[in-house]
Amino acid sequence: MGELYTAAKIAKVLNISLDYLVGNTDRELDEQMLKRVAAISQLPDEEKDKILMVVDALIRDFNAREVFA
């Protein structure tokens, strides 16, 4: 457990996710994004669905703009 604790502290100091630090992902999630995801995960399912619907629409629109740019 000592190594995991140390790795978690390093990730916190660097403001990156533990997964990114250990190479489990190439996506870096900063602390602000992680806090937002944590906050969303604690909402009632109906509210989560609304937020994710908006996020999905924004991502879809961004991707469409990229394709037609």
PDB file of N, CA and C in Angstrom:
ATOM      1  N   MET A   1       0.823  -1.189   0.000  1.00  0.00           N
ATOM      2  CA  MET A   1       0.000   0.000   0.000  1.00  0.00           C
ATOM      3  C   MET A   1       0.869   1.255   0.000  1.00  0.00           C
ATOM      4  N   GLY A   2       2.062   1.195   0.477  1.00  0.00           N
ATOM      5  CA  GLY A   2       2.929   2.348   0.527  1.00  0.00           C
ATOM      6  C   GLY A   2       3.233   2.914  -0.841  1.00  0.00           C
ATOM      7  N   GLU A   3       3.466   2.032  -1.822  1.00  0.00           N
ATOM      8  CA  GLU A   3       3.771   2.509  -3.176  1.00  0.00           C
ATOM      9  C   GLU A   3       2.566   3.188  -3.812  1.00  0.00           C
ATOM     10  N   LEU A   4       1.396   2.620  -3.592  1.00  0.00           N
ATOM     11  CA  LEU A   4       0.183   3.221  -4.145  1.00  0.00           C
ATOM     12  C   LEU A   4      -0.066   4.594  -3.531  1.00  0.00           C
ATOM     13  N   TYR A   5       0.120   4.695  -2.248  1.00  0.00           N
ATOM     14  CA  TYR A   5      -0.047   5.975  -1.549  1.00  0.00           C
ATOM     15  C   TYR A   5       0.928   7.015  -2.094  1.00  0.00           C
ATOM     16  N   THR A   6       2.169   6.611  -2.292  1.00  0.00           N
ATOM     17  CA  THR A   6       3.182   7.515  -2.834  1.00  0.00           C
ATOM     18  C   THR A   6       2.824   7.953  -4.245  1.00  0.00           C
ATOM     19  N   ALA A   7       2.400   6.996  -5.070  1.00  0.00           N
ATOM     20  CA  ALA A   7       2.016   7.322  -6.450  1.00  0.00           C
ATOM     21  C   ALA A   7       0.830   8.284  -6.463  1.00  0.00           C
ATOM     22  N   ALA A   8      -0.130   8.060  -5.577  1.00  0.00           N
ATOM     23  CA  ALA A   8      -1.298   8.944  -5.511  1.00  0.00           C
ATOM     24  C   ALA A   8      -0.887  10.355  -5.110  1.00  0.00           C
ATOM     25  N   LYS A   9       0.042  10.465  -4.178  1.00  0.00           N
ATOM     26  CA  LYS A   9       0.517  11.790  -3.758  1.00  0.00           C
ATOM     27  C   LYS A   9       1.257  12.490  -4.905  1.00  0.00           C
ATOM     28  N   ILE A  10       2.057  11.741  -5.649  1.00  0.00           N
ATOM     29  CA  ILE A  10       2.785  12.316  -6.791  1.00  0.00           C
ATOM     30  C   ILE A  10       1.788  12.829  -7.826  1.00  0.00           C
ATOM     31  N   ALA A  11       0.777  12.027  -8.128  1.00  0.00           N
ATOM     32  CA  ALA A  11      -0.240  12.430  -9.098  1.00  0.00           C
ATOM     33  C   ALA A  11      -0.944  13.703  -8.626  1.00  0.00           C
ATOM     34  N   LYS A  12      -1.239  13.779  -7.348  1.00  0.00           N
ATOM     35  CA  LYS A  12      -1.908  14.975  -6.816  1.00  0.00           C
ATOM     36  C   LYS A  12      -1.022  16.205  -6.953  1.00  0.00           C
ATOM     37  N   VAL A  13       0.253  16.069  -6.623  1.00  0.00           N
ATOM     38  CA  VAL A  13       1.180  17.197  -6.729  1.00  0.00           C
ATOM     39  C   VAL A  13       1.315  17.650  -8.182  1.00  0.00           C
ATOM     40  N   LEU A  14       1.338  16.703  -9.106  1.00  0.00           N
ATOM     41  CA  LEU A  14       1.476  17.031 -10.530  1.00  0.00           C
ATOM     42  C   LEU A  14       0.148  17.448 -11.168  1.00  0.00           C
ATOM     43  N   ASN A  15      -0.935  17.323 -10.381  1.00  0.00           N
ATOM     44  CA  ASN A  15      -2.271  17.679 -10.859  1.00  0.00           C
ATOM     45  C   ASN A  15      -2.676  16.841 -12.074  1.00  0.00           C
ATOM     46  N   ILE A  16      -2.396  15.530 -11.995  1.00  0.00           N
ATOM     47  CA  ILE A  16      -2.775  14.586 -13.035  1.00  0.00           C
ATOM     48  C   ILE A  16      -3.440  13.384 -12.386  1.00  0.00           C
ATOM     49  N   SER A  17      -4.096  12.570 -13.185  1.00  0.00           N
ATOM     50  CA  SER A  17      -4.732  11.378 -12.630  1.00  0.00           C
ATOM     51  C   SER A  17      -3.696  10.296 -12.377  1.00  0.00           C
ATOM     52  N   LEU A  18      -4.018   9.417 -11.468  1.00  0.00           N
ATOM     53  CA  LEU A  18      -3.135   8.302 -11.171  1.00  0.00           C
ATOM     54  C   LEU A  18      -2.996   7.394 -12.392  1.00  0.00           C
ATOM     55  N   ASP A  19      -4.080   7.179 -13.122  1.00  0.00           N
ATOM     56  CA  ASP A  19      -4.014   6.376 -14.349  1.00  0.00           C
ATOM     57  C   ASP A  19      -3.025   6.966 -15.341  1.00  0.00           C
ATOM     58  N   TYR A  20      -3.042   8.263 -15.509  1.00  0.00           N
ATOM     59  CA  TYR A  20      -2.115   8.916 -16.429  1.00  0.00           C
ATOM     60  C   TYR A  20      -0.679   8.747 -15.938  1.00  0.00           C
ATOM     61  N   LEU A  21      -0.480   8.899 -14.655  1.00  0.00           N
ATOM     62  CA  LEU A  21       0.858   8.781 -14.082  1.00  0.00           C
ATOM     63  C   LEU A  21       1.457   7.401 -14.333  1.00  0.00           C
ATOM     64  N   VAL A  22       0.670   6.355 -14.167  1.00  0.00           N
ATOM     65  CA  VAL A  22       1.199   4.992 -14.307  1.00  0.00           C
ATOM     66  C   VAL A  22       1.066   4.443 -15.717  1.00  0.00           C
ATOM     67  N   GLY A  23       0.581   5.267 -16.646  1.00  0.00           N
ATOM     68  CA  GLY A  23       0.548   4.860 -18.045  1.00  0.00           C
ATOM     69  C   GLY A  23      -0.653   4.041 -18.454  1.00  0.00           C
ATOM     70  N   ASN A  24      -1.714   4.041 -17.644  1.00  0.00           N
ATOM     71  CA  ASN A  24      -2.918   3.297 -18.015  1.00  0.00           C
ATOM     72  C   ASN A  24      -3.784   4.041 -19.026  1.00  0.00           C
ATOM     73  N   THR A  25      -3.464   5.294 -19.248  1.00  0.00           N
ATOM     74  CA  THR A  25      -4.209   6.087 -20.218  1.00  0.00           C
ATOM     75  C   THR A  25      -3.296   7.156 -20.790  1.00  0.00           C
ATOM     76  N   ASP A  26      -3.613   7.581 -22.001  1.00  0.00           N
ATOM     77  CA  ASP A  26      -2.860   8.691 -22.578  1.00  0.00           C
ATOM     78  C   ASP A  26      -3.650   9.989 -22.447  1.00  0.00           C
ATOM     79  N   ARG A  27      -4.781   9.917 -21.769  1.00  0.00           N
ATOM     80  CA  ARG A  27      -5.616  11.088 -21.531  1.00  0.00           C
ATOM     81  C   ARG A  27      -5.309  11.660 -20.158  1.00  0.00           C
ATOM     82  N   GLU A  28      -4.903  12.892 -20.136  1.00  0.00           N
ATOM     83  CA  GLU A  28      -4.604  13.541 -18.866  1.00  0.00           C
ATOM     84  C   GLU A  28      -5.848  14.281 -18.388  1.00  0.00           C
ATOM     85  N   LEU A  29      -6.309  13.923 -17.215  1.00  0.00           N
ATOM     86  CA  LEU A  29      -7.449  14.601 -16.608  1.00  0.00           C
ATOM     87  C   LEU A  29      -6.936  15.444 -15.454  1.00  0.00           C
ATOM     88  N   ASP A  30      -7.154  16.741 -15.558  1.00  0.00           N
ATOM     89  CA  ASP A  30      -6.688  17.602 -14.472  1.00  0.00           C
ATOM     90  C   ASP A  30      -7.658  17.538 -13.296  1.00  0.00           C
ATOM     91  N   GLU A  31      -7.256  18.123 -12.212  1.00  0.00           N
ATOM     92  CA  GLU A  31      -8.044  18.042 -10.986  1.00  0.00           C
ATOM     93  C   GLU A  31      -9.431  18.652 -11.146  1.00  0.00           C
ATOM     94  N   GLN A  32      -9.531  19.742 -11.886  1.00  0.00           N
ATOM     95  CA  GLN A  32     -10.840  20.369 -12.105  1.00  0.00           C
ATOM     96  C   GLN A  32     -11.788  19.404 -12.802  1.00  0.00           C
ATOM     97  N   MET A  33     -11.303  18.707 -13.834  1.00  0.00           N
ATOM     98  CA  MET A  33     -12.152  17.768 -14.558  1.00  0.00           C
ATOM     99  C   MET A  33     -12.546  16.601 -13.656  1.00  0.00           C
ATOM    100  N   LEU A  34     -11.605  16.104 -12.874  1.00  0.00           N
ATOM    101  CA  LEU A  34     -11.911  15.003 -11.963  1.00  0.00           C
ATOM    102  C   LEU A  34     -12.948  15.418 -10.923  1.00  0.00           C
ATOM    103  N   LYS A  35     -12.860  16.649 -10.433  1.00  0.00           N
ATOM    104  CA  LYS A  35     -13.843  17.136  -9.465  1.00  0.00           C
ATOM    105  C   LYS A  35     -15.224  17.229 -10.107  1.00  0.00           C
ATOM    106  N   ARG A  36     -15.261  17.670 -11.343  1.00  0.00           N
ATOM    107  CA  ARG A  36     -16.554  17.764 -12.035  1.00  0.00           C
ATOM    108  C   ARG A  36     -17.169  16.385 -12.239  1.00  0.00           C
ATOM    109  N   VAL A  37     -16.355  15.435 -12.660  1.00  0.00           N
ATOM    110  CA  VAL A  37     -16.852  14.069 -12.860  1.00  0.00           C
ATOM    111  C   VAL A  37     -17.352  13.503 -11.531  1.00  0.00           C
ATOM    112  N   ALA A  38     -16.617  13.731 -10.463  1.00  0.00           N
ATOM    113  CA  ALA A  38     -17.039  13.247  -9.145  1.00  0.00           C
ATOM    114  C   ALA A  38     -18.361  13.888  -8.728  1.00  0.00           C
ATOM    115  N   ALA A  39     -18.509  15.185  -8.981  1.00  0.00           N
ATOM    116  CA  ALA A  39     -19.749  15.878  -8.618  1.00  0.00           C
ATOM    117  C   ALA A  39     -20.922  15.341  -9.420  1.00  0.00           C
ATOM    118  N   ILE A  40     -20.717  15.119 -10.703  1.00  0.00           N
ATOM    119  CA  ILE A  40     -21.784  14.581 -11.555  1.00  0.00           C
ATOM    120  C   ILE A  40     -22.172  13.181 -11.092  1.00  0.00           C
ATOM    121  N   SER A  41     -21.187  12.376 -10.743  1.00  0.00           N
ATOM    122  CA  SER A  41     -21.473  10.987 -10.345  1.00  0.00           C
ATOM    123  C   SER A  41     -22.324  10.910  -9.087  1.00  0.00           C
ATOM    124  N   GLN A  42     -22.381  11.967  -8.303  1.00  0.00           N
ATOM    125  CA  GLN A  42     -23.166  11.951  -7.070  1.00  0.00           C
ATOM    126  C   GLN A  42     -24.590  12.482  -7.248  1.00  0.00           C
ATOM    127  N   LEU A  43     -24.887  12.953  -8.431  1.00  0.00           N
ATOM    128  CA  LEU A  43     -26.230  13.466  -8.699  1.00  0.00           C
ATOM    129  C   LEU A  43     -27.210  12.315  -8.911  1.00  0.00           C
ATOM    130  N   PRO A  44     -28.508  12.591  -8.747  1.00  0.00           N
ATOM    131  CA  PRO A  44     -29.517  11.575  -9.077  1.00  0.00           C
ATOM    132  C   PRO A  44     -29.424  11.212 -10.566  1.00  0.00           C
ATOM    133  N   ASP A  45     -29.809   9.990 -10.903  1.00  0.00           N
ATOM    134  CA  ASP A  45     -29.688   9.505 -12.283  1.00  0.00           C
ATOM    135  C   ASP A  45     -30.336  10.430 -13.302  1.00  0.00           C
ATOM    136  N   GLU A  46     -31.493  10.973 -12.982  1.00  0.00           N
ATOM    137  CA  GLU A  46     -32.193  11.856 -13.921  1.00  0.00           C
ATOM    138  C   GLU A  46     -31.349  13.099 -14.236  1.00  0.00           C
ATOM    139  N   GLU A  47     -30.720  13.654 -13.227  1.00  0.00           N
ATOM    140  CA  GLU A  47     -29.877  14.839 -13.440  1.00  0.00           C
ATOM    141  C   GLU A  47     -28.611  14.474 -14.211  1.00  0.00           C
ATOM    142  N   LYS A  48     -28.014  13.323 -13.892  1.00  0.00           N
ATOM    143  CA  LYS A  48     -26.830  12.865 -14.637  1.00  0.00           C
ATOM    144  C   LYS A  48     -27.176  12.715 -16.109  1.00  0.00           C
ATOM    145  N   ASP A  49     -28.328  12.107 -16.399  1.00  0.00           N
ATOM    146  CA  ASP A  49     -28.741  11.904 -17.787  1.00  0.00           C
ATOM    147  C   ASP A  49     -28.862  13.227 -18.530  1.00  0.00           C
ATOM    148  N   LYS A  50     -29.417  14.249 -17.872  1.00  0.00           N
ATOM    149  CA  LYS A  50     -29.551  15.563 -18.505  1.00  0.00           C
ATOM    150  C   LYS A  50     -28.181  16.160 -18.822  1.00  0.00           C
ATOM    151  N   ILE A  51     -27.275  16.096 -17.863  1.00  0.00           N
ATOM    152  CA  ILE A  51     -25.930  16.649 -18.068  1.00  0.00           C
ATOM    153  C   ILE A  51     -25.220  15.913 -19.187  1.00  0.00           C
ATOM    154  N   LEU A  52     -25.293  14.582 -19.171  1.00  0.00           N
ATOM    155  CA  LEU A  52     -24.605  13.798 -20.201  1.00  0.00           C
ATOM    156  C   LEU A  52     -25.212  14.020 -21.580  1.00  0.00           C
ATOM    157  N   MET A  53     -26.517  14.272 -21.641  1.00  0.00           N
ATOM    158  CA  MET A  53     -27.153  14.562 -22.919  1.00  0.00           C
ATOM    159  C   MET A  53     -26.595  15.873 -23.495  1.00  0.00           C
ATOM    160  N   VAL A  54     -26.423  16.868 -22.655  1.00  0.00           N
ATOM    161  CA  VAL A  54     -25.867  18.146 -23.100  1.00  0.00           C
ATOM    162  C   VAL A  54     -24.410  17.966 -23.525  1.00  0.00           C
ATOM    163  N   VAL A  55     -23.638  17.253 -22.716  1.00  0.00           N
ATOM    164  CA  VAL A  55     -22.227  17.016 -23.047  1.00  0.00           C
ATOM    165  C   VAL A  55     -22.115  16.261 -24.365  1.00  0.00           C
ATOM    166  N   ASP A  56     -22.929  15.225 -24.542  1.00  0.00           N
ATOM    167  CA  ASP A  56     -22.909  14.455 -25.788  1.00  0.00           C
ATOM    168  C   ASP A  56     -23.228  15.342 -26.997  1.00  0.00           C
ATOM    169  N   ALA A  57     -24.200  16.226 -26.841  1.00  0.00           N
ATOM    170  CA  ALA A  57     -24.563  17.132 -27.935  1.00  0.00           C
ATOM    171  C   ALA A  57     -23.419  18.084 -28.261  1.00  0.00           C
ATOM    172  N   LEU A  58     -22.765  18.611 -27.248  1.00  0.00           N
ATOM    173  CA  LEU A  58     -21.636  19.516 -27.477  1.00  0.00           C
ATOM    174  C   LEU A  58     -20.476  18.796 -28.163  1.00  0.00           C
ATOM    175  N   ILE A  59     -20.193  17.579 -27.750  1.00  0.00           N
ATOM    176  CA  ILE A  59     -19.129  16.801 -28.379  1.00  0.00           C
ATOM    177  C   ILE A  59     -19.493  16.488 -29.829  1.00  0.00           C
ATOM    178  N   ARG A  60     -20.735  16.077 -30.070  1.00  0.00           N
ATOM    179  CA  ARG A  60     -21.189  15.786 -31.427  1.00  0.00           C
ATOM    180  C   ARG A  60     -21.051  17.016 -32.319  1.00  0.00           C
ATOM    181  N   ASP A  61     -21.464  18.183 -31.807  1.00  0.00           N
ATOM    182  CA  ASP A  61     -21.373  19.421 -32.589  1.00  0.00           C
ATOM    183  C   ASP A  61     -19.925  19.804 -32.863  1.00  0.00           C
ATOM    184  N   PHE A  62     -19.061  19.645 -31.863  1.00  0.00           N
ATOM    185  CA  PHE A  62     -17.641  19.950 -32.051  1.00  0.00           C
ATOM    186  C   PHE A  62     -17.045  19.044 -33.131  1.00  0.00           C
ATOM    187  N   ASN A  63     -17.341  17.750 -33.037  1.00  0.00           N
ATOM    188  CA  ASN A  63     -16.817  16.801 -34.026  1.00  0.00           C
ATOM    189  C   ASN A  63     -17.327  17.118 -35.419  1.00  0.00           C
ATOM    190  N   ALA A  64     -18.586  17.509 -35.538  1.00  0.00           N
ATOM    191  CA  ALA A  64     -19.145  17.857 -36.847  1.00  0.00           C
ATOM    192  C   ALA A  64     -18.437  19.081 -37.408  1.00  0.00           C
ATOM    193  N   ARG A  65     -18.182  20.083 -36.570  1.00  0.00           N
ATOM    194  CA  ARG A  65     -17.467  21.270 -37.036  1.00  0.00           C
ATOM    195  C   ARG A  65     -16.068  20.920 -37.515  1.00  0.00           C
ATOM    196  N   GLU A  66     -15.404  19.999 -36.812  1.00  0.00           N
ATOM    197  CA  GLU A  66     -14.057  19.576 -37.194  1.00  0.00           C
ATOM    198  C   GLU A  66     -14.068  18.891 -38.557  1.00  0.00           C
ATOM    199  N   VAL A  67     -15.063  18.077 -38.803  1.00  0.00           N
ATOM    200  CA  VAL A  67     -15.163  17.345 -40.070  1.00  0.00           C
ATOM    201  C   VAL A  67     -15.384  18.307 -41.226  1.00  0.00           C
ATOM    202  N   PHE A  68     -16.217  19.298 -41.016  1.00  0.00           N
ATOM    203  CA  PHE A  68     -16.585  20.217 -42.107  1.00  0.00           C
ATOM    204  C   PHE A  68     -15.739  21.486 -42.146  1.00  0.00           C
ATOM    205  N   ALA A  69     -14.734  21.574 -41.300  1.00  0.00           N
ATOM    206  CA  ALA A  69     -13.880  22.769 -41.267  1.00  0.00           C
ATOM    207  C   ALA A  69     -12.895  22.784 -42.430  1.00  0.00           C
TER     208      ALA A  69
END
